[in-house]
PDB file of N, CA and C in Angstrom:
ATOM      1  N   UNK A   1      94.748 122.559  80.606  1.00  0.00           N
ATOM      2  CA  UNK A   1      94.265 122.302  81.553  1.00  0.00           C
ATOM      3  C   UNK A   1      94.161 120.782  81.625  1.00  0.00           C
ATOM      4  N   UNK A   2      94.413 120.356  83.257  1.00  0.00           N
ATOM      5  CA  UNK A   2      94.464 118.313  83.537  1.00  0.00           C
ATOM      6  C   UNK A   2      93.525 118.968  84.481  1.00  0.00           C
ATOM      7  N   UNK A   3      93.166 117.911  85.319  1.00  0.00           N
ATOM      8  CA  UNK A   3      92.336 116.946  85.782  1.00  0.00           C
ATOM      9  C   UNK A   3      92.797 116.208  86.867  1.00  0.00           C
ATOM     10  N   UNK A   4      92.893 116.384  88.524  1.00  0.00           N
ATOM     11  CA  UNK A   4      93.214 115.146  89.598  1.00  0.00           C
ATOM     12  C   UNK A   4      91.591 115.190  90.094  1.00  0.00           C
ATOM     13  N   UNK A   5      92.209 114.055  90.484  1.00  0.00           N
ATOM     14  CA  UNK A   5      90.792 113.505  91.811  1.00  0.00           C
ATOM     15  C   UNK A   5      91.461 113.360  93.263  1.00  0.00           C
ATOM     16  N   UNK A   6      90.711 113.965  93.812  1.00  0.00           N
ATOM     17  CA  UNK A   6      90.946 114.539  94.753  1.00  0.00           C
ATOM     18  C   UNK A   6      89.447 113.801  96.197  1.00  0.00           C
ATOM     19  N   UNK A   7      90.018 112.759  96.913  1.00  0.00           N
ATOM     20  CA  UNK A   7      89.536 112.411  97.762  1.00  0.00           C
ATOM     21  C   UNK A   7      88.388 113.570  99.168  1.00  0.00           C
ATOM     22  N   UNK A   8      87.601 114.030  99.466  1.00  0.00           N
ATOM     23  CA  UNK A   8      86.371 114.532  99.473  1.00  0.00           C
ATOM     24  C   UNK A   8      87.348 115.248 101.221  1.00  0.00           C
ATOM     25  N   UNK A   9      87.202 114.181 101.828  1.00  0.00           N
ATOM     26  CA  UNK A   9      87.613 113.915 103.759  1.00  0.00           C
ATOM     27  C   UNK A   9      88.519 114.463 103.429  1.00  0.00           C
ATOM     28  N   UNK A  10      90.453 113.257 103.067  1.00  0.00           N
ATOM     29  CA  UNK A  10      90.914 114.274 103.298  1.00  0.00           C
ATOM     30  C   UNK A  10      91.825 115.377 102.584  1.00  0.00           C
ATOM     31  N   UNK A  11      91.138 115.847 101.316  1.00  0.00           N
ATOM     32  CA  UNK A  11      91.754 116.807 100.258  1.00  0.00           C
ATOM     33  C   UNK A  11      93.101 115.954  99.748  1.00  0.00           C
ATOM     34  N   UNK A  12      93.541 115.027  99.757  1.00  0.00           N
ATOM     35  CA  UNK A  12      94.275 114.019  99.363  1.00  0.00           C
ATOM     36  C   UNK A  12      94.247 113.393  97.914  1.00  0.00           C
ATOM     37  N   UNK A  13      94.762 113.995  97.140  1.00  0.00           N
ATOM     38  CA  UNK A  13      94.640 113.204  95.332  1.00  0.00           C
ATOM     39  C   UNK A  13      94.659 111.680  95.568  1.00  0.00           C
ATOM     40  N   UNK A  14      93.416 111.132  95.070  1.00  0.00           N
ATOM     41  CA  UNK A  14      93.429 109.355  94.894  1.00  0.00           C
ATOM     42  C   UNK A  14      93.374 109.165  93.251  1.00  0.00           C
ATOM     43  N   UNK A  15      94.043 108.045  93.157  1.00  0.00           N
ATOM     44  CA  UNK A  15      94.917 107.808  92.019  1.00  0.00           C
ATOM     45  C   UNK A  15      94.716 105.593  91.970  1.00  0.00           C
ATOM     46  N   UNK A  16      94.284 105.345  90.232  1.00  0.00           N
ATOM     47  CA  UNK A  16      93.958 104.017  90.025  1.00  0.00           C
ATOM     48  C   UNK A  16      95.321 103.127  90.374  1.00  0.00           C
ATOM     49  N   UNK A  17      96.754 104.502  89.925  1.00  0.00           N
ATOM     50  CA  UNK A  17      97.819 103.377  89.962  1.00  0.00           C
ATOM     51  C   UNK A  17      98.974 103.765  90.903  1.00  0.00           C
ATOM     52  N   UNK A  18      99.880 103.783  90.578  1.00  0.00           N
ATOM     53  CA  UNK A  18     101.179 104.410  91.540  1.00  0.00           C
ATOM     54  C   UNK A  18     101.743 105.657  91.651  1.00  0.00           C
ATOM     55  N   UNK A  19     101.945 106.727  91.176  1.00  0.00           N
ATOM     56  CA  UNK A  19     101.893 107.936  90.090  1.00  0.00           C
ATOM     57  C   UNK A  19     101.240 108.325  91.637  1.00  0.00           C
ATOM     58  N   UNK A  20     101.872 109.038  92.209  1.00  0.00           N
ATOM     59  CA  UNK A  20     100.631 109.837  93.790  1.00  0.00           C
ATOM     60  C   UNK A  20      99.977 111.189  92.072  1.00  0.00           C
ATOM     61  N   UNK A  21     100.395 111.889  91.927  1.00  0.00           N
ATOM     62  CA  UNK A  21      99.717 113.365  91.337  1.00  0.00           C
ATOM     63  C   UNK A  21      99.239 113.183  90.044  1.00  0.00           C
ATOM     64  N   UNK A  22      98.507 111.710  89.408  1.00  0.00           N
ATOM     65  CA  UNK A  22      98.541 111.273  87.838  1.00  0.00           C
ATOM     66  C   UNK A  22      97.727 111.875  87.853  1.00  0.00           C
ATOM     67  N   UNK A  23      97.181 113.587  86.382  1.00  0.00           N
ATOM     68  CA  UNK A  23      96.928 114.480  85.906  1.00  0.00           C
ATOM     69  C   UNK A  23      96.167 113.537  84.722  1.00  0.00           C
ATOM     70  N   UNK A  24      94.881 113.891  84.428  1.00  0.00           N
ATOM     71  CA  UNK A  24      94.265 113.694  83.294  1.00  0.00           C
ATOM     72  C   UNK A  24      93.732 114.676  82.737  1.00  0.00           C
ATOM     73  N   UNK A  25      93.524 114.907  81.143  1.00  0.00           N
ATOM     74  CA  UNK A  25      94.514 115.648  80.477  1.00  0.00           C
ATOM     75  C   UNK A  25      92.149 116.211  80.074  1.00  0.00           C
ATOM     76  N   UNK A  26      91.934 115.466  80.520  1.00  0.00           N
ATOM     77  CA  UNK A  26      90.286 115.676  80.247  1.00  0.00           C
ATOM     78  C   UNK A  26      89.531 114.911  81.336  1.00  0.00           C
ATOM     79  N   UNK A  27      88.191 116.383  81.489  1.00  0.00           N
ATOM     80  CA  UNK A  27      87.114 116.378  82.408  1.00  0.00           C
ATOM     81  C   UNK A  27      87.241 114.406  82.363  1.00  0.00           C
ATOM     82  N   UNK A  28      86.541 114.110  81.388  1.00  0.00           N
ATOM     83  CA  UNK A  28      86.348 113.269  80.336  1.00  0.00           C
ATOM     84  C   UNK A  28      86.329 111.893  81.020  1.00  0.00           C
ATOM     85  N   UNK A  29      88.172 111.737  80.944  1.00  0.00           N
ATOM     86  CA  UNK A  29      89.184 110.749  81.601  1.00  0.00           C
ATOM     87  C   UNK A  29      89.441 110.975  82.989  1.00  0.00           C
ATOM     88  N   UNK A  30      89.404 112.338  83.442  1.00  0.00           N
ATOM     89  CA  UNK A  30      89.507 112.545  85.367  1.00  0.00           C
ATOM     90  C   UNK A  30      87.255 111.230  85.210  1.00  0.00           C
ATOM     91  N   UNK A  31      86.547 111.878  84.291  1.00  0.00           N
ATOM     92  CA  UNK A  31      85.267 110.785  85.100  1.00  0.00           C
ATOM     93  C   UNK A  31      84.705 109.718  84.745  1.00  0.00           C
ATOM     94  N   UNK A  32      86.177 108.459  84.175  1.00  0.00           N
ATOM     95  CA  UNK A  32      86.109 107.406  83.992  1.00  0.00           C
ATOM     96  C   UNK A  32      86.861 106.927  84.436  1.00  0.00           C
ATOM     97  N   UNK A  33      88.241 107.511  85.307  1.00  0.00           N
ATOM     98  CA  UNK A  33      89.255 106.609  86.526  1.00  0.00           C
ATOM     99  C   UNK A  33      88.258 106.382  87.797  1.00  0.00           C
ATOM    100  N   UNK A  34      87.343 107.879  88.327  1.00  0.00           N
ATOM    101  CA  UNK A  34      86.552 108.006  89.206  1.00  0.00           C
ATOM    102  C   UNK A  34      85.603 106.975  89.410  1.00  0.00           C
ATOM    103  N   UNK A  35      84.938 106.485  88.272  1.00  0.00           N
ATOM    104  CA  UNK A  35      83.937 105.498  88.015  1.00  0.00           C
ATOM    105  C   UNK A  35      84.356 104.112  88.308  1.00  0.00           C
ATOM    106  N   UNK A  36      85.751 104.326  87.808  1.00  0.00           N
ATOM    107  CA  UNK A  36      86.571 102.576  87.707  1.00  0.00           C
ATOM    108  C   UNK A  36      87.178 102.491  89.349  1.00  0.00           C
ATOM    109  N   UNK A  37      87.681 103.415  89.822  1.00  0.00           N
ATOM    110  CA  UNK A  37      87.518 104.066  91.411  1.00  0.00           C
ATOM    111  C   UNK A  37      86.455 103.181  92.311  1.00  0.00           C
ATOM    112  N   UNK A  38      85.412 103.964  91.886  1.00  0.00           N
ATOM    113  CA  UNK A  38      84.016 103.688  92.657  1.00  0.00           C
ATOM    114  C   UNK A  38      83.873 102.409  92.315  1.00  0.00           C
ATOM    115  N   UNK A  39      84.125 102.027  91.640  1.00  0.00           N
ATOM    116  CA  UNK A  39      83.435 100.070  91.603  1.00  0.00           C
ATOM    117  C   UNK A  39      84.698  99.435  92.226  1.00  0.00           C
ATOM    118  N   UNK A  40      86.109  99.514  91.707  1.00  0.00           N
ATOM    119  CA  UNK A  40      87.069  98.870  91.991  1.00  0.00           C
ATOM    120  C   UNK A  40      87.754  99.047  93.500  1.00  0.00           C
ATOM    121  N   UNK A  41      87.542 100.040  94.219  1.00  0.00           N
ATOM    122  CA  UNK A  41      88.417 100.317  95.234  1.00  0.00           C
ATOM    123  C   UNK A  41      87.321 100.444  96.743  1.00  0.00           C
ATOM    124  N   UNK A  42      85.854 100.915  96.069  1.00  0.00           N
ATOM    125  CA  UNK A  42      84.647 101.047  97.542  1.00  0.00           C
ATOM    126  C   UNK A  42      84.625 102.551  97.965  1.00  0.00           C
ATOM    127  N   UNK A  43      84.897 103.059  96.595  1.00  0.00           N
ATOM    128  CA  UNK A  43      85.042 104.593  96.911  1.00  0.00           C
ATOM    129  C   UNK A  43      83.497 104.512  96.998  1.00  0.00           C
ATOM    130  N   UNK A  44      82.467 105.613  97.073  1.00  0.00           N
ATOM    131  CA  UNK A  44      81.000 106.432  96.529  1.00  0.00           C
ATOM    132  C   UNK A  44      81.691 108.095  95.426  1.00  0.00           C
ATOM    133  N   UNK A  45      80.776 107.891  94.867  1.00  0.00           N
ATOM    134  CA  UNK A  45      80.952 109.175  94.307  1.00  0.00           C
ATOM    135  C   UNK A  45      81.130 110.665  94.368  1.00  0.00           C
ATOM    136  N   UNK A  46      80.496 110.030  95.953  1.00  0.00           N
ATOM    137  CA  UNK A  46      80.106 111.780  96.223  1.00  0.00           C
ATOM    138  C   UNK A  46      81.589 112.210  97.735  1.00  0.00           C
ATOM    139  N   UNK A  47      81.956 110.646  97.488  1.00  0.00           N
ATOM    140  CA  UNK A  47      82.943 111.206  98.589  1.00  0.00           C
ATOM    141  C   UNK A  47      84.540 111.444  97.380  1.00  0.00           C
ATOM    142  N   UNK A  48      84.513 111.378  96.182  1.00  0.00           N
ATOM    143  CA  UNK A  48      85.408 111.937  95.300  1.00  0.00           C
ATOM    144  C   UNK A  48      84.707 112.735  94.467  1.00  0.00           C
ATOM    145  N   UNK A  49      86.185 113.836  94.721  1.00  0.00           N
ATOM    146  CA  UNK A  49      85.614 115.159  92.803  1.00  0.00           C
ATOM    147  C   UNK A  49      87.243 115.166  92.072  1.00  0.00           C
ATOM    148  N   UNK A  50      86.830 116.318  91.629  1.00  0.00           N
ATOM    149  CA  UNK A  50      87.161 116.710  90.005  1.00  0.00           C
ATOM    150  C   UNK A  50      87.750 117.429  90.078  1.00  0.00           C
ATOM    151  N   UNK A  51      88.598 117.929  90.623  1.00  0.00           N
ATOM    152  CA  UNK A  51      89.968 118.952  90.648  1.00  0.00           C
ATOM    153  C   UNK A  51      90.493 119.764  89.773  1.00  0.00           C
ATOM    154  N   UNK A  52      90.592 121.424  89.128  1.00  0.00           N
ATOM    155  CA  UNK A  52      91.405 121.310  88.589  1.00  0.00           C
ATOM    156  C   UNK A  52      92.912 121.936  89.261  1.00  0.00           C
ATOM    157  N   UNK A  53      93.734 120.662  88.035  1.00  0.00           N
ATOM    158  CA  UNK A  53      95.600 120.900  88.336  1.00  0.00           C
ATOM    159  C   UNK A  53      95.772 122.428  89.455  1.00  0.00           C
ATOM    160  N   UNK A  54      95.684 122.950  88.491  1.00  0.00           N
ATOM    161  CA  UNK A  54      96.299 124.486  88.502  1.00  0.00           C
ATOM    162  C   UNK A  54      95.012 124.903  89.947  1.00  0.00           C
ATOM    163  N   UNK A  55      94.063 125.053  89.869  1.00  0.00           N
ATOM    164  CA  UNK A  55      93.569 125.578  91.642  1.00  0.00           C
ATOM    165  C   UNK A  55      93.871 124.159  92.937  1.00  0.00           C
ATOM    166  N   UNK A  56      94.013 123.325  91.995  1.00  0.00           N
ATOM    167  CA  UNK A  56      94.871 122.196  93.942  1.00  0.00           C
ATOM    168  C   UNK A  56      95.987 122.616  94.811  1.00  0.00           C
ATOM    169  N   UNK A  57      95.065 122.669  95.761  1.00  0.00           N
ATOM    170  CA  UNK A  57      96.291 122.699  97.438  1.00  0.00           C
ATOM    171  C   UNK A  57      96.692 122.061  97.697  1.00  0.00           C
ATOM    172  N   UNK A  58      97.563 120.951  98.357  1.00  0.00           N
ATOM    173  CA  UNK A  58      97.642 119.830  99.166  1.00  0.00           C
ATOM    174  C   UNK A  58      97.171 120.391 100.269  1.00  0.00           C
ATOM    175  N   UNK A  59      96.215 119.655 100.980  1.00  0.00           N
ATOM    176  CA  UNK A  59      96.494 120.080 102.599  1.00  0.00           C
ATOM    177  C   UNK A  59      97.561 119.953 103.551  1.00  0.00           C
ATOM    178  N   UNK A  60      97.622 120.393 104.521  1.00  0.00           N
ATOM    179  CA  UNK A  60      99.366 120.917 104.749  1.00  0.00           C
ATOM    180  C   UNK A  60      98.514 120.409 106.325  1.00  0.00           C
ATOM    181  N   UNK A  61      99.964 119.554 106.725  1.00  0.00           N
ATOM    182  CA  UNK A  61      99.940 119.337 108.595  1.00  0.00           C
ATOM    183  C   UNK A  61     100.709 119.496 109.205  1.00  0.00           C
ATOM    184  N   UNK A  62     100.981 120.521 110.313  1.00  0.00           N
ATOM    185  CA  UNK A  62     101.720 120.546 111.214  1.00  0.00           C
ATOM    186  C   UNK A  62     102.562 119.628 111.739  1.00  0.00           C
ATOM    187  N   UNK A  63     104.282 119.177 112.014  1.00  0.00           N
ATOM    188  CA  UNK A  63     104.845 118.801 112.633  1.00  0.00           C
ATOM    189  C   UNK A  63     105.670 118.846 113.646  1.00  0.00           C
ATOM    190  N   UNK A  64     106.567 118.457 114.337  1.00  0.00           N
ATOM    191  CA  UNK A  64     107.308 118.989 114.879  1.00  0.00           C
ATOM    192  C   UNK A  64     108.868 118.412 114.632  1.00  0.00           C
ATOM    193  N   UNK A  65     109.488 119.718 114.067  1.00  0.00           N
ATOM    194  CA  UNK A  65     111.336 119.092 114.112  1.00  0.00           C
ATOM    195  C   UNK A  65     111.363 117.729 115.113  1.00  0.00           C
ATOM    196  N   UNK A  66     111.974 117.582 115.115  1.00  0.00           N
ATOM    197  CA  UNK A  66     112.388 116.743 116.431  1.00  0.00           C
ATOM    198  C   UNK A  66     114.400 117.221 116.098  1.00  0.00           C
ATOM    199  N   UNK A  67     114.880 117.562 115.708  1.00  0.00           N
ATOM    200  CA  UNK A  67     116.447 118.140 116.343  1.00  0.00           C
ATOM    201  C   UNK A  67     116.470 119.968 116.582  1.00  0.00           C
ATOM    202  N   UNK A  68     115.534 120.492 116.143  1.00  0.00           N
ATOM    203  CA  UNK A  68     115.521 121.773 116.704  1.00  0.00           C
ATOM    204  C   UNK A  68     114.366 122.227 117.679  1.00  0.00           C
ATOM    205  N   UNK A  69     113.225 121.947 117.346  1.00  0.00           N
ATOM    206  CA  UNK A  69     111.411 121.614 118.427  1.00  0.00           C
ATOM    207  C   UNK A  69     110.659 123.017 117.858  1.00  0.00           C
ATOM    208  N   UNK A  70     110.905 123.104 116.169  1.00  0.00           N
ATOM    209  CA  UNK A  70     110.429 123.750 115.809  1.00  0.00           C
ATOM    210  C   UNK A  70     108.733 123.924 115.546  1.00  0.00           C
ATOM    211  N   UNK A  71     107.779 124.250 115.546  1.00  0.00           N
ATOM    212  CA  UNK A  71     106.814 123.240 114.840  1.00  0.00           C
ATOM    213  C   UNK A  71     106.827 124.058 113.201  1.00  0.00           C
ATOM    214  N   UNK A  72     106.731 123.466 112.093  1.00  0.00           N
ATOM    215  CA  UNK A  72     106.599 123.622 111.058  1.00  0.00           C
ATOM    216  C   UNK A  72     105.234 122.802 110.129  1.00  0.00           C
ATOM    217  N   UNK A  73     105.162 123.146 108.592  1.00  0.00           N
ATOM    218  CA  UNK A  73     104.242 122.612 108.326  1.00  0.00           C
ATOM    219  C   UNK A  73     104.220 121.689 106.586  1.00  0.00           C
ATOM    220  N   UNK A  74     104.181 120.901 106.533  1.00  0.00           N
ATOM    221  CA  UNK A  74     104.583 120.124 105.799  1.00  0.00           C
ATOM    222  C   UNK A  74     103.505 119.950 105.649  1.00  0.00           C
ATOM    223  N   UNK A  75     103.530 119.491 103.225  1.00  0.00           N
ATOM    224  CA  UNK A  75     101.677 119.143 102.529  1.00  0.00           C
ATOM    225  C   UNK A  75     101.597 117.508 103.448  1.00  0.00           C
ATOM    226  N   UNK A  76     100.675 116.894 103.311  1.00  0.00           N
ATOM    227  CA  UNK A  76      99.614 115.722 104.151  1.00  0.00           C
ATOM    228  C   UNK A  76      99.870 114.812 103.533  1.00  0.00           C
ATOM    229  N   UNK A  77     100.784 114.724 101.757  1.00  0.00           N
ATOM    230  CA  UNK A  77     101.358 113.652 102.346  1.00  0.00           C
ATOM    231  C   UNK A  77     102.224 113.483 101.568  1.00  0.00           C
ATOM    232  N   UNK A  78     103.842 114.108 102.547  1.00  0.00           N
ATOM    233  CA  UNK A  78     104.505 114.018 102.787  1.00  0.00           C
ATOM    234  C   UNK A  78     105.176 112.282 102.618  1.00  0.00           C
ATOM    235  N   UNK A  79     106.143 111.705 102.569  1.00  0.00           N
ATOM    236  CA  UNK A  79     106.509 110.645 102.088  1.00  0.00           C
ATOM    237  C   UNK A  79     107.473 110.771 104.015  1.00  0.00           C
ATOM    238  N   UNK A  80     107.203 109.258 104.736  1.00  0.00           N
ATOM    239  CA  UNK A  80     107.480 109.114 105.907  1.00  0.00           C
ATOM    240  C   UNK A  80     109.346 109.773 105.728  1.00  0.00           C
ATOM    241  N   UNK A  81     110.566 108.867 104.634  1.00  0.00           N
ATOM    242  CA  UNK A  81     111.627 109.464 104.502  1.00  0.00           C
ATOM    243  C   UNK A  81     111.796 111.467 104.758  1.00  0.00           C
ATOM    244  N   UNK A  82     111.678 111.370 104.611  1.00  0.00           N
ATOM    245  CA  UNK A  82     111.153 113.728 103.891  1.00  0.00           C
ATOM    246  C   UNK A  82     110.600 114.378 105.291  1.00  0.00           C
ATOM    247  N   UNK A  83     109.531 113.531 106.202  1.00  0.00           N
ATOM    248  CA  UNK A  83     109.284 114.292 107.228  1.00  0.00           C
ATOM    249  C   UNK A  83     109.746 114.361 108.189  1.00  0.00           C
ATOM    250  N   UNK A  84     110.599 115.475 108.657  1.00  0.00           N
ATOM    251  CA  UNK A  84     111.469 116.371 109.160  1.00  0.00           C
ATOM    252  C   UNK A  84     111.049 114.983 110.978  1.00  0.00           C
ATOM    253  N   UNK A  85     109.825 115.095 111.486  1.00  0.00           N
ATOM    254  CA  UNK A  85     109.293 114.544 112.742  1.00  0.00           C
ATOM    255  C   UNK A  85     109.690 112.917 112.945  1.00  0.00           C
ATOM    256  N   UNK A  86     109.827 112.810 112.270  1.00  0.00           N
ATOM    257  CA  UNK A  86     110.492 111.152 111.755  1.00  0.00           C
ATOM    258  C   UNK A  86     112.283 110.749 111.744  1.00  0.00           C
ATOM    259  N   UNK A  87     112.216 109.784 112.881  1.00  0.00           N
ATOM    260  CA  UNK A  87     113.918 109.137 112.709  1.00  0.00           C
ATOM    261  C   UNK A  87     114.073 108.776 111.331  1.00  0.00           C
ATOM    262  N   UNK A  88     112.964 108.251 111.149  1.00  0.00           N
ATOM    263  CA  UNK A  88     113.840 107.926 109.533  1.00  0.00           C
ATOM    264  C   UNK A  88     114.638 109.296 108.941  1.00  0.00           C
ATOM    265  N   UNK A  89     114.453 110.733 109.029  1.00  0.00           N
ATOM    266  CA  UNK A  89     114.644 111.482 108.360  1.00  0.00           C
ATOM    267  C   UNK A  89     116.368 111.710 108.485  1.00  0.00           C
ATOM    268  N   UNK A  90     115.856 111.847 109.860  1.00  0.00           N
ATOM    269  CA  UNK A  90     117.501 112.117 110.637  1.00  0.00           C
ATOM    270  C   UNK A  90     118.395 110.866 110.850  1.00  0.00           C
ATOM    271  N   UNK A  91     117.901 109.261 109.723  1.00  0.00           N
ATOM    272  CA  UNK A  91     119.062 108.999 109.861  1.00  0.00           C
ATOM    273  C   UNK A  91     119.808 108.554 108.995  1.00  0.00           C
ATOM    274  N   UNK A  92     118.942 108.932 107.706  1.00  0.00           N
ATOM    275  CA  UNK A  92     119.328 108.775 106.366  1.00  0.00           C
ATOM    276  C   UNK A  92     120.351 109.863 105.768  1.00  0.00           C
TER     277      UNK A  92
END
């Protein structure tokens, strides 16, 4: 089982490195990283949860597809280049 650190307000994964889906092998390793994030980035311990990777579901947001006009749901952490509601998606 692995663990991720999740922000309570947004439900998105928070990491201390460039990898957005960073999972920690043990609960203790996730706690240590949460403590580092609180000291380094100014988070409070109450703002960050440690969740099992198996049970984590990314929050979804509704966007309007620019080409078809249909409203669709995509994960909230989707980059702009992969978001059909942005012009960048359709020009690539």
